[in-house]
Amino acid sequence: MRNGADIRTYTAEEIRAMRRRGEDRTGRAKVDAMTEADLERAIAEDEDERDLEPDWTRAQLVLSRPRQSVHLRLRPEVVEFFKAGGKGNITRMQAVLRAYVDAQRRRAGESS
């Protein structure tokens, strides 16, 4: 892999603007145009992938538990706060609740 000289940082808005202008720096169009043989050859030539053989004998299938639907009544200011953050407000609420659960479990583990 090359050093970090090729790394650029963009905001989400800058990326959206580039897409609107038709500027795609991801290289997806190039990859989409490649045949399966071209892809295999590119992978084989990639020094980061060279001699990399995954050990599938120890692979495990991990199935996540399905999420549970819950009806929840929240105070309007809580809902407004999360909605003000835009799309993904339910995911952010869940992240906050998950962080609380993790903190409580760590706390319980420390005291016992």
C-alpha atoms as a PDB file:
ATOM      1  CA  MET A   1       0.000   0.000   0.000  1.00  0.00           C
ATOM      2  CA  ARG A   2       1.233   3.464  -0.794  1.00  0.00           C
ATOM      3  CA  ASN A   3       1.917   6.014   1.900  1.00  0.00           C
ATOM      4  CA  GLY A   4      -0.748   8.514   2.917  1.00  0.00           C
ATOM      5  CA  ALA A   5       0.171  11.010   0.182  1.00  0.00           C
ATOM      6  CA  ASP A   6      -2.962  10.073  -1.775  1.00  0.00           C
ATOM      7  CA  ILE A   7      -5.353  10.423   1.145  1.00  0.00           C
ATOM      8  CA  ARG A   8      -7.814  13.318   0.927  1.00  0.00           C
ATOM      9  CA  THR A   9     -10.494  14.384   3.382  1.00  0.00           C
ATOM     10  CA  TYR A  10     -13.922  15.598   2.233  1.00  0.00           C
ATOM     11  CA  THR A  11     -17.073  16.595   4.060  1.00  0.00           C
ATOM     12  CA  ALA A  12     -20.318  14.812   3.223  1.00  0.00           C
ATOM     13  CA  GLU A  13     -21.544  17.954   1.453  1.00  0.00           C
ATOM     14  CA  GLU A  14     -18.383  18.147  -0.675  1.00  0.00           C
ATOM     15  CA  ILE A  15     -18.868  14.506  -1.708  1.00  0.00           C
ATOM     16  CA  ARG A  16     -22.519  15.149  -2.606  1.00  0.00           C
ATOM     17  CA  ALA A  17     -21.459  18.179  -4.681  1.00  0.00           C
ATOM     18  CA  MET A  18     -18.825  16.119  -6.519  1.00  0.00           C
ATOM     19  CA  ARG A  19     -21.413  13.454  -7.303  1.00  0.00           C
ATOM     20  CA  ARG A  20     -23.807  16.098  -8.639  1.00  0.00           C
ATOM     21  CA  ARG A  21     -21.045  17.347 -10.934  1.00  0.00           C
ATOM     22  CA  GLY A  22     -20.358  13.785 -12.060  1.00  0.00           C
ATOM     23  CA  GLU A  23     -16.995  13.580 -10.309  1.00  0.00           C
ATOM     24  CA  ASP A  24     -16.566  10.084  -8.913  1.00  0.00           C
ATOM     25  CA  ARG A  25     -13.219   9.522  -7.258  1.00  0.00           C
ATOM     26  CA  THR A  26     -14.151   6.142  -5.836  1.00  0.00           C
ATOM     27  CA  GLY A  27     -13.122   4.250  -8.954  1.00  0.00           C
ATOM     28  CA  ARG A  28     -16.427   2.363  -8.935  1.00  0.00           C
ATOM     29  CA  ALA A  29     -16.995   2.953 -12.641  1.00  0.00           C
ATOM     30  CA  LYS A  30     -13.566   1.488 -13.416  1.00  0.00           C
ATOM     31  CA  VAL A  31     -14.254  -1.580 -11.267  1.00  0.00           C
ATOM     32  CA  ASP A  32     -17.744  -2.009 -12.735  1.00  0.00           C
ATOM     33  CA  ALA A  33     -16.207  -2.044 -16.234  1.00  0.00           C
ATOM     34  CA  MET A  34     -13.727  -4.801 -15.311  1.00  0.00           C
ATOM     35  CA  THR A  35     -14.376  -8.434 -16.122  1.00  0.00           C
ATOM     36  CA  GLU A  36     -14.078 -11.116 -13.455  1.00  0.00           C
ATOM     37  CA  ALA A  37     -10.691 -12.095 -14.907  1.00  0.00           C
ATOM     38  CA  ASP A  38      -9.534  -8.445 -14.757  1.00  0.00           C
ATOM     39  CA  LEU A  39     -10.579  -8.231 -11.107  1.00  0.00           C
ATOM     40  CA  GLU A  40      -8.784 -11.469 -10.212  1.00  0.00           C
ATOM     41  CA  ARG A  41      -5.638 -10.232 -11.962  1.00  0.00           C
ATOM     42  CA  ALA A  42      -5.790  -6.858 -10.175  1.00  0.00           C
ATOM     43  CA  ILE A  43      -6.170  -8.594  -6.827  1.00  0.00           C
ATOM     44  CA  ALA A  44      -3.272 -10.945  -7.595  1.00  0.00           C
ATOM     45  CA  GLU A  45      -1.076  -7.959  -8.510  1.00  0.00           C
ATOM     46  CA  ASP A  46      -1.994  -5.997  -5.349  1.00  0.00           C
ATOM     47  CA  GLU A  47       0.951  -6.232  -2.958  1.00  0.00           C
ATOM     48  CA  ASP A  48      -1.398  -6.020   0.046  1.00  0.00           C
ATOM     49  CA  GLU A  49      -3.310  -9.066  -1.206  1.00  0.00           C
ATOM     50  CA  ARG A  50      -0.309 -11.087  -2.385  1.00  0.00           C
ATOM     51  CA  ASP A  51       0.125 -14.391  -0.524  1.00  0.00           C
ATOM     52  CA  LEU A  52      -3.035 -13.741   1.480  1.00  0.00           C
ATOM     53  CA  GLU A  53      -4.887 -17.018   1.870  1.00  0.00           C
ATOM     54  CA  PRO A  54      -7.895 -16.891   4.193  1.00  0.00           C
ATOM     55  CA  ASP A  55      -8.333 -19.902   6.490  1.00  0.00           C
ATOM     56  CA  TRP A  56     -11.967 -20.850   5.876  1.00  0.00           C
ATOM     57  CA  THR A  57     -11.698 -23.968   8.063  1.00  0.00           C
ATOM     58  CA  ARG A  58     -12.171 -21.851  11.189  1.00  0.00           C
ATOM     59  CA  ALA A  59     -14.858 -19.552   9.775  1.00  0.00           C
ATOM     60  CA  GLN A  60     -18.021 -19.285  11.850  1.00  0.00           C
ATOM     61  CA  LEU A  61     -21.463 -18.181  10.775  1.00  0.00           C
ATOM     62  CA  VAL A  62     -22.672 -15.506  13.174  1.00  0.00           C
ATOM     63  CA  LEU A  63     -26.345 -14.630  12.962  1.00  0.00           C
ATOM     64  CA  SER A  64     -27.503 -11.560  14.805  1.00  0.00           C
ATOM     65  CA  ARG A  65     -30.665 -11.691  16.812  1.00  0.00           C
ATOM     66  CA  PRO A  66     -33.566  -9.912  15.139  1.00  0.00           C
ATOM     67  CA  ARG A  67     -34.479  -6.544  16.564  1.00  0.00           C
ATOM     68  CA  GLN A  68     -37.536  -6.285  18.724  1.00  0.00           C
ATOM     69  CA  SER A  69     -40.282  -3.820  17.968  1.00  0.00           C
ATOM     70  CA  VAL A  70     -41.255  -1.707  20.976  1.00  0.00           C
ATOM     71  CA  HIS A  71     -43.872   1.003  21.420  1.00  0.00           C
ATOM     72  CA  LEU A  72     -42.286   3.819  23.390  1.00  0.00           C
ATOM     73  CA  ARG A  73     -43.770   7.092  24.627  1.00  0.00           C
ATOM     74  CA  LEU A  74     -41.142   9.820  24.810  1.00  0.00           C
ATOM     75  CA  ARG A  75     -41.240  13.421  25.887  1.00  0.00           C
ATOM     76  CA  PRO A  76     -41.568  15.812  22.930  1.00  0.00           C
ATOM     77  CA  GLU A  77     -38.273  17.578  23.695  1.00  0.00           C
ATOM     78  CA  VAL A  78     -36.398  14.262  23.494  1.00  0.00           C
ATOM     79  CA  VAL A  79     -37.935  13.413  20.115  1.00  0.00           C
ATOM     80  CA  GLU A  80     -37.331  16.947  18.818  1.00  0.00           C
ATOM     81  CA  PHE A  81     -33.693  16.802  19.919  1.00  0.00           C
ATOM     82  CA  PHE A  82     -32.967  13.607  17.999  1.00  0.00           C
ATOM     83  CA  LYS A  83     -35.030  14.624  14.961  1.00  0.00           C
ATOM     84  CA  ALA A  84     -33.067  17.893  14.800  1.00  0.00           C
ATOM     85  CA  GLY A  85     -30.017  15.774  13.967  1.00  0.00           C
ATOM     86  CA  GLY A  86     -31.660  14.710  10.717  1.00  0.00           C
ATOM     87  CA  LYS A  87     -32.068  11.308   9.183  1.00  0.00           C
ATOM     88  CA  GLY A  88     -31.047   8.418  11.431  1.00  0.00           C
ATOM     89  CA  ASN A  89     -32.660   9.754  14.589  1.00  0.00           C
ATOM     90  CA  ILE A  90     -33.913   6.308  15.684  1.00  0.00           C
ATOM     91  CA  THR A  91     -30.443   4.843  15.151  1.00  0.00           C
ATOM     92  CA  ARG A  92     -28.947   7.610  17.305  1.00  0.00           C
ATOM     93  CA  MET A  93     -31.533   6.983  20.030  1.00  0.00           C
ATOM     94  CA  GLN A  94     -30.620   3.315  19.990  1.00  0.00           C
ATOM     95  CA  ALA A  95     -26.907   4.167  20.177  1.00  0.00           C
ATOM     96  CA  VAL A  96     -27.527   6.294  23.281  1.00  0.00           C
ATOM     97  CA  LEU A  97     -29.537   3.508  24.916  1.00  0.00           C
ATOM     98  CA  ARG A  98     -26.872   0.953  23.995  1.00  0.00           C
ATOM     99  CA  ALA A  99     -24.134   3.154  25.478  1.00  0.00           C
ATOM    100  CA  TYR A 100     -26.158   3.403  28.696  1.00  0.00           C
ATOM    101  CA  VAL A 101     -26.598  -0.395  28.862  1.00  0.00           C
ATOM    102  CA  ASP A 102     -22.869  -0.948  28.252  1.00  0.00           C
ATOM    103  CA  ALA A 103     -21.947   1.600  30.929  1.00  0.00           C
ATOM    104  CA  GLN A 104     -24.300  -0.015  33.453  1.00  0.00           C
ATOM    105  CA  ARG A 105     -22.871  -3.470  32.693  1.00  0.00           C
ATOM    106  CA  ARG A 106     -19.295  -2.204  33.140  1.00  0.00           C
ATOM    107  CA  ARG A 107     -20.287  -0.499  36.369  1.00  0.00           C
ATOM    108  CA  ALA A 108     -21.925  -3.677  37.688  1.00  0.00           C
ATOM    109  CA  GLY A 109     -18.866  -5.683  36.696  1.00  0.00           C
ATOM    110  CA  GLU A 110     -16.523  -3.320  38.540  1.00  0.00           C
ATOM    111  CA  SER A 111     -18.476  -3.430  41.794  1.00  0.00           C
ATOM    112  CA  SER A 112     -18.774  -7.236  41.962  1.00  0.00           C
END
